[in-house]
């Protein structure tokens, strides 16, 4: 079960700079990726623990907003010591990332 409390709290208090990115990713995951078999996962409590995994389990992407002031989201390919796939700085970056995932479906 997904617990979004920490994510909502972070956006409301200290990570307002990534709210548009989070909203764009959330909509893209819900509308574009989940119908194609992608799953949103939360590995533990906290806003830094969200990922998506394709239906075959061959691709996974983890989302990290590491640095203050929070203005971008890093997408990495593994939970621990993953390689940077893309850094999302704008809404357009997030839309392109979702589009790439759709093509990988």
PDB file of N, CA and C in Angstrom:
ATOM      1  N   UNK A   1       0.837  -1.174   0.000  1.00  0.00           N
ATOM      2  CA  UNK A   1       0.000   0.000   0.000  1.00  0.00           C
ATOM      3  C   UNK A   1       0.893   1.252   0.000  1.00  0.00           C
ATOM      4  N   UNK A   2       0.513   2.215  -0.793  1.00  0.00           N
ATOM      5  CA  UNK A   2       1.260   3.461  -0.903  1.00  0.00           C
ATOM      6  C   UNK A   2       0.827   4.414   0.217  1.00  0.00           C
ATOM      7  N   UNK A   3       1.802   4.989   0.900  1.00  0.00           N
ATOM      8  CA  UNK A   3       1.541   5.990   1.942  1.00  0.00           C
ATOM      9  C   UNK A   3       2.154   7.303   1.464  1.00  0.00           C
ATOM     10  N   UNK A   4       1.315   8.221   1.087  1.00  0.00           N
ATOM     11  CA  UNK A   4       1.794   9.466   0.486  1.00  0.00           C
ATOM     12  C   UNK A   4       1.962  10.603   1.495  1.00  0.00           C
ATOM     13  N   UNK A   5       1.769  10.346   2.783  1.00  0.00           N
ATOM     14  CA  UNK A   5       1.842  11.421   3.785  1.00  0.00           C
ATOM     15  C   UNK A   5       3.173  12.164   3.757  1.00  0.00           C
ATOM     16  N   UNK A   6       4.270  11.441   3.717  1.00  0.00           N
ATOM     17  CA  UNK A   6       5.588  12.091   3.740  1.00  0.00           C
ATOM     18  C   UNK A   6       5.810  12.934   2.488  1.00  0.00           C
ATOM     19  N   UNK A   7       5.359  12.440   1.352  1.00  0.00           N
ATOM     20  CA  UNK A   7       5.497  13.188   0.106  1.00  0.00           C
ATOM     21  C   UNK A   7       4.670  14.469   0.165  1.00  0.00           C
ATOM     22  N   UNK A   8       3.439  14.359   0.601  1.00  0.00           N
ATOM     23  CA  UNK A   8       2.575  15.543   0.716  1.00  0.00           C
ATOM     24  C   UNK A   8       3.169  16.552   1.706  1.00  0.00           C
ATOM     25  N   UNK A   9       3.661  16.073   2.823  1.00  0.00           N
ATOM     26  CA  UNK A   9       4.250  16.954   3.831  1.00  0.00           C
ATOM     27  C   UNK A   9       5.460  17.696   3.252  1.00  0.00           C
ATOM     28  N   UNK A  10       6.339  16.963   2.587  1.00  0.00           N
ATOM     29  CA  UNK A  10       7.529  17.584   2.009  1.00  0.00           C
ATOM     30  C   UNK A  10       7.192  18.666   1.011  1.00  0.00           C
ATOM     31  N   UNK A  11       6.235  18.391   0.160  1.00  0.00           N
ATOM     32  CA  UNK A  11       5.851  19.374  -0.853  1.00  0.00           C
ATOM     33  C   UNK A  11       5.219  20.600  -0.202  1.00  0.00           C
ATOM     34  N   UNK A  12       4.454  20.400   0.839  1.00  0.00           N
ATOM     35  CA  UNK A  12       3.797  21.524   1.503  1.00  0.00           C
ATOM     36  C   UNK A  12       4.769  22.377   2.311  1.00  0.00           C
ATOM     37  N   UNK A  13       5.874  21.792   2.777  1.00  0.00           N
ATOM     38  CA  UNK A  13       6.732  22.520   3.713  1.00  0.00           C
ATOM     39  C   UNK A  13       8.110  22.912   3.169  1.00  0.00           C
ATOM     40  N   UNK A  14       8.855  21.995   2.599  1.00  0.00           N
ATOM     41  CA  UNK A  14      10.229  22.347   2.221  1.00  0.00           C
ATOM     42  C   UNK A  14      10.604  21.970   0.783  1.00  0.00           C
ATOM     43  N   UNK A  15       9.693  21.388   0.049  1.00  0.00           N
ATOM     44  CA  UNK A  15      10.020  20.993  -1.325  1.00  0.00           C
ATOM     45  C   UNK A  15       8.994  21.534  -2.320  1.00  0.00           C
ATOM     46  N   UNK A  16       8.536  22.731  -2.082  1.00  0.00           N
ATOM     47  CA  UNK A  16       7.536  23.331  -2.972  1.00  0.00           C
ATOM     48  C   UNK A  16       8.059  23.492  -4.395  1.00  0.00           C
ATOM     49  N   UNK A  17       9.370  23.577  -4.544  1.00  0.00           N
ATOM     50  CA  UNK A  17       9.978  23.759  -5.852  1.00  0.00           C
ATOM     51  C   UNK A  17       9.809  22.590  -6.802  1.00  0.00           C
ATOM     52  N   UNK A  18       9.432  21.418  -6.286  1.00  0.00           N
ATOM     53  CA  UNK A  18       9.248  20.256  -7.177  1.00  0.00           C
ATOM     54  C   UNK A  18       7.785  19.821  -7.275  1.00  0.00           C
ATOM     55  N   UNK A  19       6.890  20.627  -6.754  1.00  0.00           N
ATOM     56  CA  UNK A  19       5.471  20.249  -6.773  1.00  0.00           C
ATOM     57  C   UNK A  19       4.962  19.996  -8.195  1.00  0.00           C
ATOM     58  N   UNK A  20       5.283  20.868  -9.130  1.00  0.00           N
ATOM     59  CA  UNK A  20       4.825  20.685 -10.508  1.00  0.00           C
ATOM     60  C   UNK A  20       5.394  19.397 -11.108  1.00  0.00           C
ATOM     61  N   UNK A  21       6.649  19.080 -10.808  1.00  0.00           N
ATOM     62  CA  UNK A  21       7.243  17.835 -11.303  1.00  0.00           C
ATOM     63  C   UNK A  21       6.530  16.621 -10.720  1.00  0.00           C
ATOM     64  N   UNK A  22       6.278  16.650  -9.426  1.00  0.00           N
ATOM     65  CA  UNK A  22       5.594  15.530  -8.772  1.00  0.00           C
ATOM     66  C   UNK A  22       4.193  15.354  -9.354  1.00  0.00           C
ATOM     67  N   UNK A  23       3.480  16.443  -9.540  1.00  0.00           N
ATOM     68  CA  UNK A  23       2.131  16.363 -10.110  1.00  0.00           C
ATOM     69  C   UNK A  23       2.158  15.805 -11.527  1.00  0.00           C
ATOM     70  N   UNK A  24       3.098  16.246 -12.332  1.00  0.00           N
ATOM     71  CA  UNK A  24       3.213  15.755 -13.710  1.00  0.00           C
ATOM     72  C   UNK A  24       3.547  14.267 -13.726  1.00  0.00           C
ATOM     73  N   UNK A  25       4.496  13.857 -12.887  1.00  0.00           N
ATOM     74  CA  UNK A  25       4.841  12.432 -12.806  1.00  0.00           C
ATOM     75  C   UNK A  25       3.655  11.606 -12.325  1.00  0.00           C
ATOM     76  N   UNK A  26       2.952  12.086 -11.307  1.00  0.00           N
ATOM     77  CA  UNK A  26       1.815  11.339 -10.761  1.00  0.00           C
ATOM     78  C   UNK A  26       0.739  11.128 -11.828  1.00  0.00           C
ATOM     79  N   UNK A  27       0.422  12.168 -12.565  1.00  0.00           N
ATOM     80  CA  UNK A  27      -0.591  12.051 -13.607  1.00  0.00           C
ATOM     81  C   UNK A  27      -0.114  11.101 -14.713  1.00  0.00           C
ATOM     82  N   UNK A  28       1.138  11.233 -15.117  1.00  0.00           N
ATOM     83  CA  UNK A  28       1.678  10.361 -16.163  1.00  0.00           C
ATOM     84  C   UNK A  28       1.695   8.896 -15.745  1.00  0.00           C
ATOM     85  N   UNK A  29       2.053   8.639 -14.495  1.00  0.00           N
ATOM     86  CA  UNK A  29       2.066   7.262 -13.995  1.00  0.00           C
ATOM     87  C   UNK A  29       0.648   6.702 -13.984  1.00  0.00           C
ATOM     88  N   UNK A  30      -0.302   7.488 -13.497  1.00  0.00           N
ATOM     89  CA  UNK A  30      -1.690   7.042 -13.390  1.00  0.00           C
ATOM     90  C   UNK A  30      -2.345   6.830 -14.756  1.00  0.00           C
ATOM     91  N   UNK A  31      -2.183   7.797 -15.652  1.00  0.00           N
ATOM     92  CA  UNK A  31      -2.911   7.779 -16.921  1.00  0.00           C
ATOM     93  C   UNK A  31      -2.170   7.032 -18.032  1.00  0.00           C
ATOM     94  N   UNK A  32      -0.850   7.169 -18.082  1.00  0.00           N
ATOM     95  CA  UNK A  32      -0.091   6.599 -19.193  1.00  0.00           C
ATOM     96  C   UNK A  32       0.600   5.279 -18.871  1.00  0.00           C
ATOM     97  N   UNK A  33       1.108   5.131 -17.654  1.00  0.00           N
ATOM     98  CA  UNK A  33       1.942   3.964 -17.363  1.00  0.00           C
ATOM     99  C   UNK A  33       1.189   2.808 -16.700  1.00  0.00           C
ATOM    100  N   UNK A  34       0.359   3.079 -15.709  1.00  0.00           N
ATOM    101  CA  UNK A  34      -0.344   1.983 -15.041  1.00  0.00           C
ATOM    102  C   UNK A  34      -1.212   1.173 -16.002  1.00  0.00           C
ATOM    103  N   UNK A  35      -1.927   1.803 -16.953  1.00  0.00           N
ATOM    104  CA  UNK A  35      -2.683   0.990 -17.909  1.00  0.00           C
ATOM    105  C   UNK A  35      -1.800   0.085 -18.786  1.00  0.00           C
ATOM    106  N   UNK A  36      -0.518   0.407 -18.877  1.00  0.00           N
ATOM    107  CA  UNK A  36       0.420  -0.404 -19.668  1.00  0.00           C
ATOM    108  C   UNK A  36       1.181  -1.404 -18.785  1.00  0.00           C
ATOM    109  N   UNK A  37       0.780  -1.532 -17.539  1.00  0.00           N
ATOM    110  CA  UNK A  37       1.361  -2.540 -16.668  1.00  0.00           C
ATOM    111  C   UNK A  37       2.435  -2.072 -15.710  1.00  0.00           C
ATOM    112  N   UNK A  38       2.801  -0.798 -15.763  1.00  0.00           N
ATOM    113  CA  UNK A  38       3.771  -0.274 -14.802  1.00  0.00           C
ATOM    114  C   UNK A  38       3.125  -0.194 -13.433  1.00  0.00           C
ATOM    115  N   UNK A  39       3.895  -0.403 -12.388  1.00  0.00           N
ATOM    116  CA  UNK A  39       3.399  -0.338 -11.016  1.00  0.00           C
ATOM    117  C   UNK A  39       4.176   0.711 -10.233  1.00  0.00           C
ATOM    118  N   UNK A  40       3.453   1.499  -9.465  1.00  0.00           N
ATOM    119  CA  UNK A  40       4.065   2.440  -8.537  1.00  0.00           C
ATOM    120  C   UNK A  40       4.322   1.685  -7.246  1.00  0.00           C
ATOM    121  N   UNK A  41       5.534   1.791  -6.737  1.00  0.00           N
ATOM    122  CA  UNK A  41       5.901   1.099  -5.508  1.00  0.00           C
ATOM    123  C   UNK A  41       6.492   2.089  -4.511  1.00  0.00           C
ATOM    124  N   UNK A  42       6.389   1.704  -3.257  1.00  0.00           N
ATOM    125  CA  UNK A  42       7.023   2.460  -2.183  1.00  0.00           C
ATOM    126  C   UNK A  42       7.783   1.447  -1.342  1.00  0.00           C
ATOM    127  N   UNK A  43       9.094   1.580  -1.307  1.00  0.00           N
ATOM    128  CA  UNK A  43       9.929   0.573  -0.654  1.00  0.00           C
ATOM    129  C   UNK A  43       9.961   0.711   0.864  1.00  0.00           C
ATOM    130  N   UNK A  44       9.679   1.897   1.373  1.00  0.00           N
ATOM    131  CA  UNK A  44       9.625   2.123   2.825  1.00  0.00           C
ATOM    132  C   UNK A  44       8.932   3.461   3.057  1.00  0.00           C
ATOM    133  N   UNK A  45       8.783   3.837   4.314  1.00  0.00           N
ATOM    134  CA  UNK A  45       8.177   5.131   4.617  1.00  0.00           C
ATOM    135  C   UNK A  45       9.079   6.246   4.106  1.00  0.00           C
ATOM    136  N   UNK A  46       8.467   7.330   3.726  1.00  0.00           N
ATOM    137  CA  UNK A  46       9.252   8.489   3.337  1.00  0.00           C
ATOM    138  C   UNK A  46       9.065   8.882   1.889  1.00  0.00           C
ATOM    139  N   UNK A  47       9.322  10.141   1.632  1.00  0.00           N
ATOM    140  CA  UNK A  47       9.130  10.696   0.295  1.00  0.00           C
ATOM    141  C   UNK A  47      10.191  10.246  -0.698  1.00  0.00           C
ATOM    142  N   UNK A  48      11.322   9.741  -0.229  1.00  0.00           N
ATOM    143  CA  UNK A  48      12.424   9.339  -1.119  1.00  0.00           C
ATOM    144  C   UNK A  48      12.357   7.866  -1.514  1.00  0.00           C
ATOM    145  N   UNK A  49      11.215   7.216  -1.317  1.00  0.00           N
ATOM    146  CA  UNK A  49      11.162   5.769  -1.495  1.00  0.00           C
ATOM    147  C   UNK A  49      10.212   5.304  -2.596  1.00  0.00           C
ATOM    148  N   UNK A  50       9.863   6.191  -3.525  1.00  0.00           N
ATOM    149  CA  UNK A  50       8.943   5.830  -4.600  1.00  0.00           C
ATOM    150  C   UNK A  50       9.700   5.374  -5.843  1.00  0.00           C
ATOM    151  N   UNK A  51       9.100   4.394  -6.523  1.00  0.00           N
ATOM    152  CA  UNK A  51       9.680   3.903  -7.777  1.00  0.00           C
ATOM    153  C   UNK A  51       8.559   3.387  -8.664  1.00  0.00           C
ATOM    154  N   UNK A  52       8.901   3.173  -9.930  1.00  0.00           N
ATOM    155  CA  UNK A  52       7.991   2.499 -10.859  1.00  0.00           C
ATOM    156  C   UNK A  52       8.725   1.309 -11.448  1.00  0.00           C
ATOM    157  N   UNK A  53       7.966   0.260 -11.738  1.00  0.00           N
ATOM    158  CA  UNK A  53       8.532  -0.977 -12.294  1.00  0.00           C
ATOM    159  C   UNK A  53       7.619  -1.425 -13.429  1.00  0.00           C
ATOM    160  N   UNK A  54       8.228  -1.838 -14.555  1.00  0.00           N
ATOM    161  CA  UNK A  54       7.400  -2.291 -15.670  1.00  0.00           C
ATOM    162  C   UNK A  54       6.821  -3.676 -15.372  1.00  0.00           C
ATOM    163  N   UNK A  55       5.852  -4.080 -16.196  1.00  0.00           N
ATOM    164  CA  UNK A  55       5.118  -5.325 -15.896  1.00  0.00           C
ATOM    165  C   UNK A  55       5.992  -6.565 -15.966  1.00  0.00           C
ATOM    166  N   UNK A  56       7.078  -6.529 -16.724  1.00  0.00           N
ATOM    167  CA  UNK A  56       7.984  -7.681 -16.808  1.00  0.00           C
ATOM    168  C   UNK A  56       9.027  -7.675 -15.689  1.00  0.00           C
ATOM    169  N   UNK A  57       9.107  -6.562 -14.993  1.00  0.00           N
ATOM    170  CA  UNK A  57      10.091  -6.448 -13.920  1.00  0.00           C
ATOM    171  C   UNK A  57      11.509  -6.244 -14.420  1.00  0.00           C
ATOM    172  N   UNK A  58      11.648  -5.844 -15.677  1.00  0.00           N
ATOM    173  CA  UNK A  58      12.977  -5.667 -16.266  1.00  0.00           C
ATOM    174  C   UNK A  58      13.482  -4.232 -16.191  1.00  0.00           C
ATOM    175  N   UNK A  59      12.594  -3.295 -15.924  1.00  0.00           N
ATOM    176  CA  UNK A  59      12.973  -1.877 -15.790  1.00  0.00           C
ATOM    177  C   UNK A  59      12.410  -1.353 -14.486  1.00  0.00           C
ATOM    178  N   UNK A  60      13.231  -0.607 -13.775  1.00  0.00           N
ATOM    179  CA  UNK A  60      12.752   0.080 -12.585  1.00  0.00           C
ATOM    180  C   UNK A  60      13.419   1.440 -12.505  1.00  0.00           C
ATOM    181  N   UNK A  61      12.652   2.390 -12.056  1.00  0.00           N
ATOM    182  CA  UNK A  61      13.154   3.749 -11.909  1.00  0.00           C
ATOM    183  C   UNK A  61      12.762   4.271 -10.530  1.00  0.00           C
ATOM    184  N   UNK A  62      13.737   4.812  -9.825  1.00  0.00           N
ATOM    185  CA  UNK A  62      13.538   5.351  -8.485  1.00  0.00           C
ATOM    186  C   UNK A  62      13.702   6.866  -8.526  1.00  0.00           C
ATOM    187  N   UNK A  63      12.892   7.549  -7.750  1.00  0.00           N
ATOM    188  CA  UNK A  63      12.849   9.006  -7.771  1.00  0.00           C
ATOM    189  C   UNK A  63      13.478   9.571  -6.504  1.00  0.00           C
ATOM    190  N   UNK A  64      14.426  10.501  -6.688  1.00  0.00           N
ATOM    191  CA  UNK A  64      15.118  11.107  -5.554  1.00  0.00           C
ATOM    192  C   UNK A  64      15.210  12.628  -5.734  1.00  0.00           C
ATOM    193  N   UNK A  65      14.812  13.330  -4.719  1.00  0.00           N
ATOM    194  CA  UNK A  65      14.998  14.784  -4.672  1.00  0.00           C
ATOM    195  C   UNK A  65      15.959  15.047  -3.525  1.00  0.00           C
ATOM    196  N   UNK A  66      17.248  14.970  -3.821  1.00  0.00           N
ATOM    197  CA  UNK A  66      18.259  14.948  -2.767  1.00  0.00           C
ATOM    198  C   UNK A  66      18.659  16.296  -2.209  1.00  0.00           C
ATOM    199  N   UNK A  67      18.774  17.285  -3.025  1.00  0.00           N
ATOM    200  CA  UNK A  67      19.510  18.474  -2.607  1.00  0.00           C
ATOM    201  C   UNK A  67      18.607  19.672  -2.370  1.00  0.00           C
ATOM    202  N   UNK A  68      18.827  20.345  -1.257  1.00  0.00           N
ATOM    203  CA  UNK A  68      18.107  21.581  -0.976  1.00  0.00           C
ATOM    204  C   UNK A  68      18.809  22.738  -1.662  1.00  0.00           C
ATOM    205  N   UNK A  69      18.134  23.707  -2.174  1.00  0.00           N
ATOM    206  CA  UNK A  69      16.682  23.747  -2.252  1.00  0.00           C
ATOM    207  C   UNK A  69      16.197  22.780  -3.323  1.00  0.00           C
ATOM    208  N   UNK A  70      15.145  22.048  -3.035  1.00  0.00           N
ATOM    209  CA  UNK A  70      14.638  21.034  -3.962  1.00  0.00           C
ATOM    210  C   UNK A  70      14.059  21.693  -5.200  1.00  0.00           C
ATOM    211  N   UNK A  71      14.742  21.492  -6.328  1.00  0.00           N
ATOM    212  CA  UNK A  71      14.282  22.073  -7.588  1.00  0.00           C
ATOM    213  C   UNK A  71      14.265  21.056  -8.715  1.00  0.00           C
ATOM    214  N   UNK A  72      14.733  19.845  -8.450  1.00  0.00           N
ATOM    215  CA  UNK A  72      14.741  18.811  -9.489  1.00  0.00           C
ATOM    216  C   UNK A  72      14.582  17.442  -8.831  1.00  0.00           C
ATOM    217  N   UNK A  73      14.289  16.468  -9.676  1.00  0.00           N
ATOM    218  CA  UNK A  73      14.162  15.079  -9.231  1.00  0.00           C
ATOM    219  C   UNK A  73      15.112  14.243 -10.057  1.00  0.00           C
ATOM    220  N   UNK A  74      15.945  13.478  -9.378  1.00  0.00           N
ATOM    221  CA  UNK A  74      16.831  12.545 -10.073  1.00  0.00           C
ATOM    222  C   UNK A  74      16.119  11.214 -10.222  1.00  0.00           C
ATOM    223  N   UNK A  75      16.238  10.631 -11.406  1.00  0.00           N
ATOM    224  CA  UNK A  75      15.688   9.307 -11.655  1.00  0.00           C
ATOM    225  C   UNK A  75      16.877   8.366 -11.780  1.00  0.00           C
ATOM    226  N   UNK A  76      16.909   7.350 -10.924  1.00  0.00           N
ATOM    227  CA  UNK A  76      18.007   6.392 -10.934  1.00  0.00           C
ATOM    228  C   UNK A  76      17.467   4.997 -11.243  1.00  0.00           C
ATOM    229  N   UNK A  77      18.356   4.107 -11.684  1.00  0.00           N
ATOM    230  CA  UNK A  77      17.909   2.801 -12.166  1.00  0.00           C
ATOM    231  C   UNK A  77      17.918   1.690 -11.121  1.00  0.00           C
ATOM    232  N   UNK A  78      18.329   1.967  -9.913  1.00  0.00           N
ATOM    233  CA  UNK A  78      18.319   0.974  -8.838  1.00  0.00           C
ATOM    234  C   UNK A  78      18.050   1.677  -7.529  1.00  0.00           C
ATOM    235  N   UNK A  79      17.562   0.927  -6.567  1.00  0.00           N
ATOM    236  CA  UNK A  79      17.257   1.509  -5.259  1.00  0.00           C
ATOM    237  C   UNK A  79      18.518   2.004  -4.565  1.00  0.00           C
ATOM    238  N   UNK A  80      19.525   1.166  -4.531  1.00  0.00           N
ATOM    239  CA  UNK A  80      20.745   1.487  -3.791  1.00  0.00           C
ATOM    240  C   UNK A  80      21.899   1.627  -4.766  1.00  0.00           C
ATOM    241  N   UNK A  81      22.554   2.754  -4.753  1.00  0.00           N
ATOM    242  CA  UNK A  81      23.692   3.035  -5.633  1.00  0.00           C
ATOM    243  C   UNK A  81      23.340   2.880  -7.110  1.00  0.00           C
ATOM    244  N   UNK A  82      22.176   3.341  -7.460  1.00  0.00           N
ATOM    245  CA  UNK A  82      21.758   3.296  -8.856  1.00  0.00           C
ATOM    246  C   UNK A  82      22.449   4.355  -9.687  1.00  0.00           C
ATOM    247  N   UNK A  83      22.427   4.151 -10.990  1.00  0.00           N
ATOM    248  CA  UNK A  83      23.011   5.122 -11.925  1.00  0.00           C
ATOM    249  C   UNK A  83      21.951   6.139 -12.317  1.00  0.00           C
ATOM    250  N   UNK A  84      22.381   7.376 -12.477  1.00  0.00           N
ATOM    251  CA  UNK A  84      21.477   8.435 -12.890  1.00  0.00           C
ATOM    252  C   UNK A  84      20.992   8.165 -14.316  1.00  0.00           C
ATOM    253  N   UNK A  85      19.679   8.144 -14.486  1.00  0.00           N
ATOM    254  CA  UNK A  85      19.068   7.963 -15.800  1.00  0.00           C
ATOM    255  C   UNK A  85      18.764   9.325 -16.407  1.00  0.00           C
ATOM    256  N   UNK A  86      18.156  10.180 -15.608  1.00  0.00           N
ATOM    257  CA  UNK A  86      17.800  11.528 -16.072  1.00  0.00           C
ATOM    258  C   UNK A  86      17.554  12.408 -14.845  1.00  0.00           C
ATOM    259  N   UNK A  87      17.806  13.685 -15.016  1.00  0.00           N
ATOM    260  CA  UNK A  87      17.463  14.642 -13.978  1.00  0.00           C
ATOM    261  C   UNK A  87      16.304  15.478 -14.499  1.00  0.00           C
ATOM    262  N   UNK A  88      15.199  15.440 -13.784  1.00  0.00           N
ATOM    263  CA  UNK A  88      13.998  16.161 -14.188  1.00  0.00           C
ATOM    264  C   UNK A  88      14.012  17.538 -13.549  1.00  0.00           C
ATOM    265  N   UNK A  89      14.094  18.557 -14.392  1.00  0.00           N
ATOM    266  CA  UNK A  89      14.145  19.934 -13.901  1.00  0.00           C
ATOM    267  C   UNK A  89      12.894  20.727 -14.272  1.00  0.00           C
ATOM    268  N   UNK A  90      12.221  20.292 -15.332  1.00  0.00           N
ATOM    269  CA  UNK A  90      11.041  21.009 -15.813  1.00  0.00           C
ATOM    270  C   UNK A  90       9.900  20.030 -16.063  1.00  0.00           C
ATOM    271  N   UNK A  91       8.720  20.589 -16.230  1.00  0.00           N
ATOM    272  CA  UNK A  91       7.548  19.780 -16.560  1.00  0.00           C
ATOM    273  C   UNK A  91       7.782  19.024 -17.870  1.00  0.00           C
ATOM    274  N   UNK A  92       8.421  19.681 -18.829  1.00  0.00           N
ATOM    275  CA  UNK A  92       8.717  19.042 -20.112  1.00  0.00           C
ATOM    276  C   UNK A  92       9.647  17.838 -19.924  1.00  0.00           C
ATOM    277  N   UNK A  93      10.631  17.960 -19.046  1.00  0.00           N
ATOM    278  CA  UNK A  93      11.512  16.821 -18.739  1.00  0.00           C
ATOM    279  C   UNK A  93      10.700  15.645 -18.213  1.00  0.00           C
ATOM    280  N   UNK A  94       9.744  15.931 -17.321  1.00  0.00           N
ATOM    281  CA  UNK A  94       8.914  14.872 -16.746  1.00  0.00           C
ATOM    282  C   UNK A  94       8.040  14.220 -17.818  1.00  0.00           C
ATOM    283  N   UNK A  95       7.482  15.036 -18.708  1.00  0.00           N
ATOM    284  CA  UNK A  95       6.657  14.494 -19.790  1.00  0.00           C
ATOM    285  C   UNK A  95       7.482  13.613 -20.734  1.00  0.00           C
ATOM    286  N   UNK A  96       8.698  14.039 -21.038  1.00  0.00           N
ATOM    287  CA  UNK A  96       9.576  13.238 -21.901  1.00  0.00           C
ATOM    288  C   UNK A  96       9.946  11.919 -21.222  1.00  0.00           C
ATOM    289  N   UNK A  97      10.182  11.949 -19.913  1.00  0.00           N
ATOM    290  CA  UNK A  97      10.494  10.725 -19.178  1.00  0.00           C
ATOM    291  C   UNK A  97       9.311   9.752 -19.246  1.00  0.00           C
ATOM    292  N   UNK A  98       8.100  10.245 -19.016  1.00  0.00           N
ATOM    293  CA  UNK A  98       6.909   9.402 -19.094  1.00  0.00           C
ATOM    294  C   UNK A  98       6.780   8.817 -20.502  1.00  0.00           C
ATOM    295  N   UNK A  99       7.022   9.636 -21.518  1.00  0.00           N
ATOM    296  CA  UNK A  99       6.950   9.184 -22.909  1.00  0.00           C
ATOM    297  C   UNK A  99       7.972   8.075 -23.177  1.00  0.00           C
ATOM    298  N   UNK A 100       9.159   8.213 -22.631  1.00  0.00           N
ATOM    299  CA  UNK A 100      10.186   7.177 -22.765  1.00  0.00           C
ATOM    300  C   UNK A 100       9.725   5.868 -22.120  1.00  0.00           C
ATOM    301  N   UNK A 101       9.126   5.972 -20.965  1.00  0.00           N
ATOM    302  CA  UNK A 101       8.604   4.764 -20.284  1.00  0.00           C
ATOM    303  C   UNK A 101       7.478   4.120 -21.090  1.00  0.00           C
ATOM    304  N   UNK A 102       6.629   4.930 -21.701  1.00  0.00           N
ATOM    305  CA  UNK A 102       5.550   4.393 -22.543  1.00  0.00           C
ATOM    306  C   UNK A 102       6.163   3.581 -23.687  1.00  0.00           C
ATOM    307  N   UNK A 103       7.208   4.107 -24.302  1.00  0.00           N
ATOM    308  CA  UNK A 103       7.881   3.395 -25.398  1.00  0.00           C
ATOM    309  C   UNK A 103       8.533   2.095 -24.932  1.00  0.00           C
ATOM    310  N   UNK A 104       8.940   2.043 -23.660  1.00  0.00           N
ATOM    311  CA  UNK A 104       9.560   0.846 -23.099  1.00  0.00           C
ATOM    312  C   UNK A 104       8.527  -0.199 -22.671  1.00  0.00           C
ATOM    313  N   UNK A 105       7.250   0.171 -22.728  1.00  0.00           N
ATOM    314  CA  UNK A 105       6.175  -0.738 -22.276  1.00  0.00           C
ATOM    315  C   UNK A 105       5.988  -1.890 -23.233  1.00  0.00           C
TER     316      UNK A 105
END
